[in-house]
Amino acid sequence: MMPVILPAPTIAQIDLSEIISALGAILATALSFYQYRNNRSAGRKIESYKKQLTEKLSKDSESAAMIYGILWEGLHKLGTDRIYILQPHPSHANRFLTITMEVRRGGVSAMKPQLQSLPMSEVANFVSVIARERFIRYDDISTNLIDKRSRAIMGIAGVLSIAIHRLENIDGKWIGNIFSEHTQIICRSCGKCEKVLAEMARVIAPILPDYEG
């Protein structure tokens, strides 16, 4: 007897559900592998970011401790009533002013609450001076300080005299100022403030953490 040869199944005779299932399995495997690679990459990036953030916070804490020590030493050397650091922020587009660190003698009120996220536009004349000049001294703010808004803020805080030194980074960009203030008597120009503040600025500027507000 001759063997019976059956014709090969046509595409129409193949079960389409089996093809779809096979393609689905392949696609699911490919997506799973792709997601696994993405998750590993994202995990590494997150861990790296956490490490960098931890290191930065630790470094900033150390820097802040050093800066406070320098401010206290300056307060003692100058016999002044209040010393603080005023910083523009955010660092990529300066629009506001904030006191970030401050030391003061006992019984002297804090200036910090008076200067938190103050828009630069409100004290434009004053900002243009402190951002440009290396050292400024106002022996009597009632007559020397022209900017009315700044004079009002200082007056409310009991400021009589101010010495201000510019802070800049290694590229010469303005990153803030050190303020030394007298609130008890008007400064009679002892001749020490420029030299002392310049030395403080030299040490503080390279380690001053950015302030983003």
Protein backbone atom coordinates (compact mmCIF):
# COMPACT_ATOMS: atom_id res chain seq x y z
CA MET A 1 0.00 0.00 0.00
CA MET A 2 1.32 3.39 -0.93
CA PRO A 3 1.82 5.82 2.06
CA VAL A 4 -0.52 8.74 2.18
CA ILE A 5 1.33 12.10 2.12
CA LEU A 6 -0.59 14.86 3.87
CA PRO A 7 -0.19 18.45 2.65
CA ALA A 8 1.70 20.90 4.95
CA PRO A 9 -0.60 23.10 7.00
CA THR A 10 -1.25 26.51 5.54
CA ILE A 11 -1.02 29.75 7.49
CA ALA A 12 -4.75 29.72 7.78
CA GLN A 13 -4.59 26.28 9.43
CA ILE A 14 -2.03 27.37 12.10
CA ASP A 15 -3.57 28.37 15.43
CA LEU A 16 -3.05 32.17 15.61
CA SER A 17 -3.53 32.13 19.38
CA GLU A 18 -0.33 30.06 19.72
CA ILE A 19 1.63 32.60 17.63
CA ILE A 20 0.30 35.49 19.65
CA SER A 21 1.14 33.70 22.92
CA ALA A 22 4.69 33.00 21.72
CA LEU A 23 5.22 36.60 20.62
CA GLY A 24 3.77 37.83 23.92
CA ALA A 25 6.18 35.66 25.89
CA ILE A 26 9.15 36.95 23.86
CA LEU A 27 8.03 40.55 24.29
CA ALA A 28 7.46 40.10 28.04
CA THR A 29 10.94 38.61 28.43
CA ALA A 30 12.50 41.48 26.48
CA LEU A 31 10.63 44.10 28.52
CA SER A 32 11.53 42.37 31.77
CA PHE A 33 15.22 42.38 30.85
CA TYR A 34 15.06 46.03 29.76
CA GLN A 35 13.34 47.01 33.03
CA TYR A 36 15.91 45.04 35.03
CA ARG A 37 18.76 46.92 33.37
CA ASN A 38 16.99 50.27 33.93
CA ASN A 39 16.34 49.46 37.59
CA ARG A 40 20.00 48.53 38.15
CA SER A 41 21.16 51.74 36.46
CA ALA A 42 18.67 53.86 38.44
CA GLY A 43 19.68 52.12 41.66
CA ARG A 44 23.35 52.88 41.07
CA LYS A 45 22.54 56.53 40.32
CA ILE A 46 20.43 56.85 43.49
CA GLU A 47 23.15 55.31 45.63
CA SER A 48 25.77 57.59 44.07
CA TYR A 49 23.57 60.64 44.67
CA LYS A 50 22.95 59.61 48.31
CA LYS A 51 26.69 59.22 48.85
CA GLN A 52 27.46 62.62 47.31
CA LEU A 53 24.69 64.29 49.34
CA THR A 54 25.93 62.72 52.58
CA GLU A 55 29.49 63.82 51.86
CA LYS A 56 28.34 67.35 51.01
CA LEU A 57 26.24 67.66 54.17
CA SER A 58 29.16 66.45 56.26
CA LYS A 59 31.53 68.88 54.55
CA ASP A 60 29.04 71.77 54.89
CA SER A 61 28.61 71.01 58.61
CA GLU A 62 32.36 71.11 59.14
CA SER A 63 32.62 74.35 57.16
CA ALA A 64 29.78 75.96 59.14
CA ALA A 65 31.49 75.05 62.43
CA MET A 66 34.74 76.63 61.24
CA ILE A 67 32.98 79.76 60.00
CA TYR A 68 31.13 80.28 63.29
CA GLY A 69 34.45 80.05 65.10
CA ILE A 70 35.92 82.71 62.79
CA LEU A 71 32.89 84.99 63.33
CA TRP A 72 33.18 84.72 67.13
CA GLU A 73 36.88 85.51 66.95
CA GLY A 74 36.14 88.54 64.77
CA LEU A 75 33.47 89.75 67.19
CA HIS A 76 36.05 89.66 69.99
CA LYS A 77 38.85 91.31 67.99
CA LEU A 78 36.71 94.18 66.73
CA GLY A 79 34.76 94.75 69.93
CA THR A 80 31.65 94.98 67.79
CA ASP A 81 28.10 93.96 68.73
CA ARG A 82 27.00 91.78 65.85
CA ILE A 83 28.69 89.99 62.94
CA TYR A 84 26.89 88.01 60.27
CA ILE A 85 27.13 86.66 56.73
CA LEU A 86 24.63 87.85 54.14
CA GLN A 87 24.32 85.67 51.04
CA PRO A 88 22.56 86.15 47.70
CA HIS A 89 20.48 83.23 46.45
CA PRO A 90 19.73 81.02 44.63
CA SER A 91 23.35 80.63 43.60
CA HIS A 92 22.59 80.24 39.88
CA ALA A 93 20.42 83.36 39.66
CA ASN A 94 20.75 85.79 42.56
CA ARG A 95 17.36 87.30 43.42
CA PHE A 96 17.17 87.34 47.23
CA LEU A 97 19.30 88.14 50.28
CA THR A 98 19.41 86.06 53.46
CA ILE A 99 21.53 86.10 56.62
CA THR A 100 22.82 82.53 56.91
CA MET A 101 25.16 82.77 59.94
CA GLU A 102 25.25 85.27 62.79
CA VAL A 103 26.99 85.84 66.14
CA ARG A 104 26.29 88.66 68.60
CA ARG A 105 27.06 89.88 72.08
CA GLY A 106 24.75 89.00 74.96
CA GLY A 107 21.73 91.27 75.13
CA VAL A 108 22.01 92.28 71.45
CA SER A 109 19.01 91.33 69.32
CA ALA A 110 19.45 89.17 66.22
CA MET A 111 19.46 90.71 62.77
CA LYS A 112 18.76 87.35 61.09
CA PRO A 113 14.93 87.55 61.36
CA GLN A 114 15.03 90.93 59.58
CA LEU A 115 16.85 89.62 56.53
CA GLN A 116 15.36 86.39 55.25
CA SER A 117 14.70 86.02 51.51
CA LEU A 118 14.60 89.79 51.03
CA PRO A 119 14.06 90.55 47.31
CA MET A 120 17.09 92.36 45.91
CA SER A 121 14.78 94.65 44.00
CA GLU A 122 13.69 96.21 47.31
CA VAL A 123 17.26 97.29 48.15
CA ALA A 124 18.66 97.64 44.64
CA ASN A 125 20.96 100.59 45.37
CA PHE A 126 22.44 98.94 48.44
CA VAL A 127 22.97 95.61 46.63
CA SER A 128 24.75 97.31 43.74
CA VAL A 129 27.27 98.70 46.24
CA ILE A 130 27.92 95.61 48.40
CA ALA A 131 28.16 93.36 45.34
CA ARG A 132 30.78 95.60 43.76
CA GLU A 133 32.88 97.18 46.51
CA ARG A 134 35.53 95.17 48.37
CA PHE A 135 35.14 97.10 51.62
CA ILE A 136 32.60 99.70 52.79
CA ARG A 137 32.16 101.46 56.12
CA TYR A 138 29.15 103.50 57.19
CA ASP A 139 30.20 105.30 60.35
CA ASP A 140 26.69 106.67 60.84
CA ILE A 141 23.91 104.97 58.87
CA SER A 142 21.50 107.83 59.54
CA THR A 143 23.55 110.04 57.24
CA ASN A 144 25.87 107.72 55.25
CA LEU A 145 23.48 105.00 54.11
CA ILE A 146 21.54 106.38 51.15
CA ASP A 147 19.26 103.41 50.38
CA LYS A 148 16.06 104.15 52.33
CA ARG A 149 14.82 100.56 52.61
CA SER A 150 18.18 99.32 53.88
CA ARG A 151 18.42 102.22 56.33
CA ALA A 152 14.96 101.38 57.67
CA ILE A 153 15.86 97.69 58.18
CA MET A 154 19.10 98.59 59.93
CA GLY A 155 17.41 101.25 62.05
CA ILE A 156 14.74 98.83 63.31
CA ALA A 157 17.53 96.46 64.39
CA GLY A 158 19.31 99.25 66.26
CA VAL A 159 22.30 99.52 63.93
CA LEU A 160 24.39 102.69 64.29
CA SER A 161 27.52 101.84 62.29
CA ILE A 162 28.44 99.09 59.81
CA ALA A 163 31.60 97.74 58.20
CA ILE A 164 31.07 95.40 55.24
CA HIS A 165 33.52 93.17 53.37
CA ARG A 166 32.81 91.40 50.09
CA LEU A 167 33.07 87.61 49.76
CA GLU A 168 33.96 86.11 46.40
CA ASN A 169 34.75 82.66 44.99
CA ILE A 170 37.94 81.68 43.15
CA ASP A 171 36.46 83.07 39.93
CA GLY A 172 35.88 86.46 41.52
CA LYS A 173 32.10 86.04 41.61
CA TRP A 174 30.24 87.76 44.46
CA ILE A 175 28.92 85.15 46.90
CA GLY A 176 28.04 87.30 49.93
CA ASN A 177 29.31 89.77 52.52
CA ILE A 178 30.51 89.87 56.11
CA PHE A 179 28.76 92.56 58.15
CA SER A 180 30.17 93.97 61.39
CA GLU A 181 27.72 96.20 63.26
CA HIS A 182 27.75 98.55 66.23
CA THR A 183 24.45 98.97 68.05
CA GLN A 184 25.60 100.70 71.24
CA ILE A 185 27.82 103.56 70.05
CA ILE A 186 28.74 104.96 66.65
CA CYS A 187 32.01 103.56 65.32
CA ARG A 188 34.90 106.00 65.67
CA SER A 189 37.10 104.23 63.12
CA CYS A 190 39.60 102.29 65.22
CA GLY A 191 41.33 101.33 61.97
CA LYS A 192 41.09 97.58 62.60
CA CYS A 193 37.87 96.58 60.84
CA GLU A 194 39.14 96.53 57.24
CA LYS A 195 42.18 94.40 58.05
CA VAL A 196 40.30 92.00 60.36
CA LEU A 197 37.35 91.56 57.99
CA ALA A 198 39.70 91.04 55.03
CA GLU A 199 41.45 88.22 56.88
CA MET A 200 38.10 86.68 57.85
CA ALA A 201 36.90 86.90 54.24
CA ARG A 202 40.07 85.22 52.98
CA VAL A 203 39.42 82.16 55.17
CA ILE A 204 35.62 82.05 54.93
CA ALA A 205 35.05 82.54 51.19
CA PRO A 206 36.60 79.23 50.00
CA ILE A 207 34.58 77.13 52.48
CA LEU A 208 31.28 79.03 52.52
CA PRO A 209 28.45 76.62 51.55
CA ASP A 210 26.08 77.78 48.82
CA TYR A 211 22.66 78.86 50.04
CA GLU A 212 19.72 78.06 47.78
CA GLY A 213 16.91 79.44 49.96
